[in-house]
C-alpha cells in the first residue's frame, strides 16, 4: 500500500531531469544507481535510456520520514 499520495512531476524521469531536480552530478547519480539508492525502471530493450522511478523514490522517502517522525 502506498503511503505517499502527492503525485510526482512525472512517474519516470531521465538521468538529466533527475540531476536537474536534485542538483547532483552524473558520477554521483551513477554511483547511487549502482548501489541501489536510486531506483530505475526495468528496460524493455537493451538500448533504451534508463528512467528513474520517481514514484518508488517518493514512496521510500515517505516511509523513511514516517520512521523518523513516528
N, C-alpha and C. Protein backbone atom coordinates (compact mmCIF):
# COMPACT_ATOMS: atom_id res chain seq x y z
N UNK A 1 0.84 -1.18 0.00
CA UNK A 1 0.00 0.00 0.00
C UNK A 1 0.88 1.24 0.00
N UNK A 2 0.54 2.19 -0.85
CA UNK A 2 1.31 3.42 -0.94
C UNK A 2 1.00 4.34 0.23
N UNK A 3 2.04 4.91 0.79
CA UNK A 3 1.89 5.87 1.88
C UNK A 3 1.82 7.28 1.30
N UNK A 4 2.68 7.56 0.37
CA UNK A 4 2.81 8.90 -0.20
C UNK A 4 1.74 9.12 -1.26
N UNK A 5 0.98 10.21 -1.14
CA UNK A 5 -0.11 10.45 -2.08
C UNK A 5 0.10 11.64 -3.00
N UNK A 6 1.07 12.48 -2.72
CA UNK A 6 1.32 13.64 -3.59
C UNK A 6 1.97 13.14 -4.89
N UNK A 7 1.39 13.46 -6.05
CA UNK A 7 1.95 12.95 -7.30
C UNK A 7 3.29 13.60 -7.62
N UNK A 8 4.15 12.85 -8.26
CA UNK A 8 5.42 13.38 -8.74
C UNK A 8 5.16 14.22 -9.97
N UNK A 9 6.15 15.00 -10.35
CA UNK A 9 6.05 15.77 -11.60
C UNK A 9 5.81 14.81 -12.76
N UNK A 10 6.49 13.68 -12.72
CA UNK A 10 6.32 12.62 -13.71
C UNK A 10 6.68 11.31 -13.02
N UNK A 11 6.04 10.20 -13.40
CA UNK A 11 6.35 8.93 -12.73
C UNK A 11 7.76 8.43 -13.03
N UNK A 12 8.27 8.73 -14.22
CA UNK A 12 9.62 8.35 -14.60
C UNK A 12 10.32 9.57 -15.18
N UNK A 13 11.59 9.75 -14.83
CA UNK A 13 12.37 10.86 -15.38
C UNK A 13 13.72 10.34 -15.87
N UNK A 14 14.29 11.07 -16.82
CA UNK A 14 15.61 10.73 -17.34
C UNK A 14 16.68 11.09 -16.32
N UNK A 15 17.88 10.61 -16.56
CA UNK A 15 19.00 10.98 -15.70
C UNK A 15 19.17 12.50 -15.69
N UNK A 16 19.08 13.12 -16.87
CA UNK A 16 19.27 14.57 -16.96
C UNK A 16 18.24 15.32 -16.11
N UNK A 17 16.98 14.92 -16.18
CA UNK A 17 15.93 15.59 -15.41
C UNK A 17 16.16 15.37 -13.91
N UNK A 18 16.55 14.15 -13.53
CA UNK A 18 16.80 13.86 -12.12
C UNK A 18 17.97 14.70 -11.59
N UNK A 19 19.02 14.84 -12.40
CA UNK A 19 20.15 15.66 -11.99
C UNK A 19 19.73 17.12 -11.85
N UNK A 20 18.84 17.58 -12.73
CA UNK A 20 18.32 18.95 -12.63
C UNK A 20 17.50 19.13 -11.35
N UNK A 21 16.66 18.15 -11.04
CA UNK A 21 15.80 18.24 -9.85
C UNK A 21 16.60 18.18 -8.55
N UNK A 22 17.64 17.35 -8.52
CA UNK A 22 18.37 17.12 -7.28
C UNK A 22 19.65 17.92 -7.15
N UNK A 23 20.20 18.37 -8.27
CA UNK A 23 21.45 19.12 -8.22
C UNK A 23 22.69 18.25 -8.09
N UNK A 24 22.54 16.93 -8.25
CA UNK A 24 23.71 16.06 -8.15
C UNK A 24 24.37 15.91 -9.51
N UNK A 25 25.63 15.49 -9.49
CA UNK A 25 26.39 15.30 -10.72
C UNK A 25 26.18 13.89 -11.25
N UNK A 26 26.52 13.70 -12.54
CA UNK A 26 26.32 12.41 -13.20
C UNK A 26 27.04 11.28 -12.49
N UNK A 27 28.29 11.50 -12.10
CA UNK A 27 29.04 10.42 -11.45
C UNK A 27 28.40 10.01 -10.13
N UNK A 28 27.88 10.97 -9.39
CA UNK A 28 27.18 10.68 -8.14
C UNK A 28 25.92 9.88 -8.42
N UNK A 29 25.17 10.27 -9.45
CA UNK A 29 23.95 9.54 -9.82
C UNK A 29 24.28 8.11 -10.21
N UNK A 30 25.30 7.91 -11.02
CA UNK A 30 25.68 6.54 -11.42
C UNK A 30 26.03 5.71 -10.19
N UNK A 31 26.78 6.28 -9.26
CA UNK A 31 27.13 5.56 -8.03
C UNK A 31 25.87 5.19 -7.25
N UNK A 32 24.90 6.11 -7.17
CA UNK A 32 23.67 5.84 -6.43
C UNK A 32 22.82 4.78 -7.12
N UNK A 33 22.79 4.79 -8.44
CA UNK A 33 22.06 3.75 -9.18
C UNK A 33 22.74 2.40 -8.96
N UNK A 34 24.06 2.37 -9.08
CA UNK A 34 24.81 1.12 -8.90
C UNK A 34 24.64 0.54 -7.51
N UNK A 35 24.52 1.40 -6.50
CA UNK A 35 24.38 0.92 -5.12
C UNK A 35 22.92 0.66 -4.74
N UNK A 36 21.98 1.00 -5.62
CA UNK A 36 20.56 0.74 -5.36
C UNK A 36 19.85 1.86 -4.62
N UNK A 37 20.51 2.98 -4.40
CA UNK A 37 19.87 4.11 -3.71
C UNK A 37 18.89 4.85 -4.61
N UNK A 38 19.12 4.79 -5.91
CA UNK A 38 18.20 5.38 -6.90
C UNK A 38 17.65 4.22 -7.72
N UNK A 39 16.32 4.18 -7.83
CA UNK A 39 15.65 3.05 -8.48
C UNK A 39 15.34 3.40 -9.93
N UNK A 40 15.76 2.52 -10.83
CA UNK A 40 15.46 2.74 -12.23
C UNK A 40 14.42 1.73 -12.72
N UNK A 41 13.66 2.15 -13.72
CA UNK A 41 12.64 1.31 -14.35
C UNK A 41 13.35 0.22 -15.15
N UNK A 42 12.81 -0.98 -15.10
CA UNK A 42 13.36 -2.08 -15.89
C UNK A 42 13.21 -1.73 -17.37
N UNK A 43 14.29 -1.92 -18.12
CA UNK A 43 14.27 -1.62 -19.54
C UNK A 43 13.62 -2.76 -20.31
N UNK A 44 12.82 -2.40 -21.32
CA UNK A 44 12.23 -3.40 -22.20
C UNK A 44 13.20 -3.80 -23.31
N UNK A 45 14.07 -2.86 -23.68
CA UNK A 45 15.05 -3.10 -24.73
C UNK A 45 16.42 -2.66 -24.22
N UNK A 46 17.48 -3.36 -24.61
CA UNK A 46 18.83 -3.04 -24.09
C UNK A 46 19.30 -1.61 -24.35
N UNK A 47 18.89 -1.02 -25.46
CA UNK A 47 19.40 0.32 -25.80
C UNK A 47 18.50 1.45 -25.32
N UNK A 48 17.47 1.14 -24.55
CA UNK A 48 16.60 2.19 -24.01
C UNK A 48 17.35 3.05 -23.01
N UNK A 49 16.95 4.31 -22.93
CA UNK A 49 17.51 5.19 -21.90
C UNK A 49 17.01 4.73 -20.54
N UNK A 50 17.88 4.72 -19.54
CA UNK A 50 17.40 4.39 -18.20
C UNK A 50 16.50 5.50 -17.67
N UNK A 51 15.41 5.11 -17.04
CA UNK A 51 14.45 6.06 -16.48
C UNK A 51 14.34 5.82 -14.98
N UNK A 52 14.42 6.89 -14.21
CA UNK A 52 14.35 6.79 -12.76
C UNK A 52 12.89 6.76 -12.33
N UNK A 53 12.56 5.82 -11.46
CA UNK A 53 11.20 5.63 -10.97
C UNK A 53 10.96 6.58 -9.80
N UNK A 54 10.35 7.73 -10.10
CA UNK A 54 10.11 8.75 -9.09
C UNK A 54 9.04 8.34 -8.09
N UNK A 55 8.07 7.55 -8.51
CA UNK A 55 7.03 7.09 -7.59
C UNK A 55 7.65 6.23 -6.50
N UNK A 56 8.52 5.30 -6.90
CA UNK A 56 9.20 4.45 -5.92
C UNK A 56 10.11 5.26 -5.02
N UNK A 57 10.81 6.23 -5.59
CA UNK A 57 11.72 7.05 -4.79
C UNK A 57 10.94 7.88 -3.76
N UNK A 58 9.80 8.44 -4.17
CA UNK A 58 8.97 9.22 -3.23
C UNK A 58 8.39 8.33 -2.15
N UNK A 59 8.01 7.12 -2.50
CA UNK A 59 7.46 6.18 -1.52
C UNK A 59 8.51 5.82 -0.46
N UNK A 60 9.73 5.58 -0.90
CA UNK A 60 10.81 5.27 0.04
C UNK A 60 11.05 6.46 0.97
N UNK A 61 11.07 7.66 0.42
CA UNK A 61 11.27 8.86 1.23
C UNK A 61 10.15 9.03 2.25
N UNK A 62 8.91 8.76 1.84
CA UNK A 62 7.77 8.89 2.76
C UNK A 62 7.87 7.87 3.89
N UNK A 63 8.25 6.64 3.57
CA UNK A 63 8.37 5.61 4.61
C UNK A 63 9.50 5.94 5.58
N UNK A 64 10.62 6.45 5.05
CA UNK A 64 11.72 6.83 5.93
C UNK A 64 11.31 8.00 6.83
N UNK A 65 10.54 8.93 6.30
CA UNK A 65 10.06 10.05 7.11
C UNK A 65 9.15 9.56 8.23
N UNK A 66 8.29 8.60 7.93
CA UNK A 66 7.41 8.05 8.97
C UNK A 66 8.21 7.37 10.08
N UNK A 67 9.29 6.68 9.70
CA UNK A 67 10.13 6.03 10.71
C UNK A 67 10.74 7.07 11.65
N UNK A 68 11.18 8.18 11.08
CA UNK A 68 11.83 9.22 11.87
C UNK A 68 10.80 9.99 12.70
N UNK A 69 9.68 10.33 12.08
CA UNK A 69 8.69 11.18 12.74
C UNK A 69 7.69 10.41 13.60
N UNK A 70 7.59 9.13 13.33
CA UNK A 70 6.69 8.28 14.12
C UNK A 70 5.28 8.31 13.75
